[in-house]
Protein backbone atom coordinates (compact mmCIF):
# COMPACT_ATOMS: atom_id res chain seq x y z
CA UNK A 1 -53.88 -169.50 86.46
CA UNK A 2 -54.30 -173.25 86.09
CA UNK A 3 -52.51 -175.83 88.21
CA UNK A 4 -49.86 -178.04 86.62
CA UNK A 5 -51.35 -181.11 88.33
CA UNK A 6 -53.35 -181.98 85.23
CA UNK A 7 -57.04 -182.45 84.57
CA UNK A 8 -57.22 -185.97 86.04
CA UNK A 9 -55.86 -184.94 89.43
CA UNK A 10 -58.63 -185.27 91.98
CA UNK A 11 -58.37 -182.88 94.89
CA UNK A 12 -57.62 -184.65 98.17
CA UNK A 13 -58.28 -182.92 101.47
CA UNK A 14 -55.17 -181.50 103.10
CA UNK A 15 -51.54 -182.14 102.15
CA UNK A 16 -50.90 -184.84 99.53
CA UNK A 17 -47.81 -187.06 99.34
CA UNK A 18 -46.70 -189.92 97.08
CA UNK A 19 -46.05 -193.39 98.49
CA UNK A 20 -42.50 -194.51 97.61
CA UNK A 21 -43.73 -198.10 97.29
CA UNK A 22 -46.79 -198.04 95.05
CA UNK A 23 -46.25 -194.46 93.76
CA UNK A 24 -49.92 -193.59 94.43
CA UNK A 25 -50.83 -190.16 95.75
CA UNK A 26 -52.63 -190.12 99.10
CA UNK A 27 -53.46 -187.75 101.91
CA UNK A 28 -50.46 -187.23 104.17
CA UNK A 29 -52.37 -188.54 107.20
CA UNK A 30 -52.83 -191.94 105.46
CA UNK A 31 -49.09 -192.46 104.96
CA UNK A 32 -46.22 -193.34 107.28
CA UNK A 33 -43.30 -190.92 107.22
CA UNK A 34 -39.82 -192.45 107.39
CA UNK A 35 -36.49 -190.71 107.95
CA UNK A 36 -32.83 -191.69 107.73
CA UNK A 37 -30.68 -191.97 110.82
CA UNK A 38 -28.07 -194.22 112.31
CA UNK A 39 -28.33 -197.27 114.52
CA UNK A 40 -27.26 -196.26 118.05
CA UNK A 41 -25.43 -199.56 118.65
CA UNK A 42 -23.65 -200.11 115.32
CA UNK A 43 -23.59 -196.64 113.76
CA UNK A 44 -24.87 -198.08 110.46
CA UNK A 45 -27.37 -196.07 108.39
CA UNK A 46 -30.98 -197.02 109.18
CA UNK A 47 -34.43 -195.94 107.98
CA UNK A 48 -36.65 -195.13 110.98
CA UNK A 49 -40.44 -194.89 111.07
CA UNK A 50 -41.66 -191.42 112.07
CA UNK A 51 -45.39 -191.86 112.75
CA UNK A 52 -45.67 -188.42 114.36
CA UNK A 53 -43.99 -186.74 111.41
CA UNK A 54 -41.84 -184.57 113.67
CA UNK A 55 -38.33 -186.00 113.22
CA UNK A 56 -35.84 -183.57 111.69
CA UNK A 57 -34.39 -184.06 108.24
CA UNK A 58 -35.57 -185.31 104.88
CA UNK A 59 -38.45 -187.74 104.98
CA UNK A 60 -40.28 -190.04 102.61
CA UNK A 61 -43.82 -191.38 102.78
CA UNK A 62 -45.15 -194.89 102.45
CA UNK A 63 -48.48 -196.65 102.95
CA UNK A 64 -48.15 -198.61 106.23
CA UNK A 65 -48.69 -201.98 104.50
CA UNK A 66 -46.32 -204.84 103.86
CA UNK A 67 -47.12 -204.66 100.13
CA UNK A 68 -45.94 -201.07 99.76
CA UNK A 69 -42.95 -201.72 102.02
CA UNK A 70 -41.91 -204.71 99.86
CA UNK A 71 -42.30 -202.66 96.67
CA UNK A 72 -40.18 -199.86 98.10
CA UNK A 73 -37.42 -202.31 99.07
CA UNK A 74 -37.54 -204.06 95.69
CA UNK A 75 -37.37 -200.74 93.83
CA UNK A 76 -34.59 -199.45 96.12
CA UNK A 77 -36.78 -196.44 96.79
CA UNK A 78 -35.59 -195.68 100.35
CA UNK A 79 -32.07 -194.43 99.49
CA UNK A 80 -33.34 -192.58 96.42
CA UNK A 81 -36.21 -190.84 98.23
CA UNK A 82 -34.06 -189.97 101.25
CA UNK A 83 -31.17 -188.92 98.97
CA UNK A 84 -28.62 -191.22 100.57
CA UNK A 85 -25.45 -192.40 98.86
CA UNK A 86 -25.38 -196.17 98.47
CA UNK A 87 -22.65 -198.66 97.74
CA UNK A 88 -22.88 -201.19 94.91
CA UNK A 89 -26.14 -203.13 95.04
CA UNK A 90 -27.72 -200.75 97.56
CA UNK A 91 -25.98 -202.41 100.50
CA UNK A 92 -25.55 -200.65 103.81
CA UNK A 93 -28.98 -199.13 104.50
CA UNK A 94 -31.14 -201.11 106.92
CA UNK A 95 -34.91 -200.82 106.69
CA UNK A 96 -35.55 -203.34 109.48
CA UNK A 97 -37.13 -200.81 111.90
CA UNK A 98 -39.71 -199.85 109.24
CA UNK A 99 -40.39 -203.53 108.49
CA UNK A 100 -40.96 -204.24 112.18
CA UNK A 101 -43.24 -201.21 112.56
CA UNK A 102 -45.35 -202.17 109.54
CA UNK A 103 -45.54 -205.80 110.72
CA UNK A 104 -46.75 -204.63 114.14
CA UNK A 105 -49.56 -202.65 112.44
CA UNK A 106 -50.66 -205.60 110.34
CA UNK A 107 -53.39 -207.67 111.95
CA UNK A 108 -52.76 -211.40 111.71
CA UNK A 109 -56.02 -212.90 110.34
CA UNK A 110 -55.23 -216.35 111.82
CA UNK A 111 -54.84 -214.95 115.36
CA UNK A 112 -58.60 -214.87 115.99
CA UNK A 113 -59.18 -218.45 114.79
CA UNK A 114 -59.09 -221.01 117.63
């Protein structure tokens, strides 16, 4: 029986996931998993990075780049992918921890210039 993936689907090694930012398929190990939780100090809903992929609950995957992060925020992909109810305008869900994590992974090209 043939797969429903289509003839143009190239086989990737291991599990494959779709980035919620750029919508490109990639090997799971190349993507950052994020999960929904709550901020321990304010109790507000927050999206947390889950680099180990072991946190409980529904997760979404994203390339660990600022470009994909920005696309996901602009498209309001986090609440949709994590199936979270949002108020008008998508207010209430903080993605700051993911932004900080992705920024920490990004190498600043001007840092090595003296």
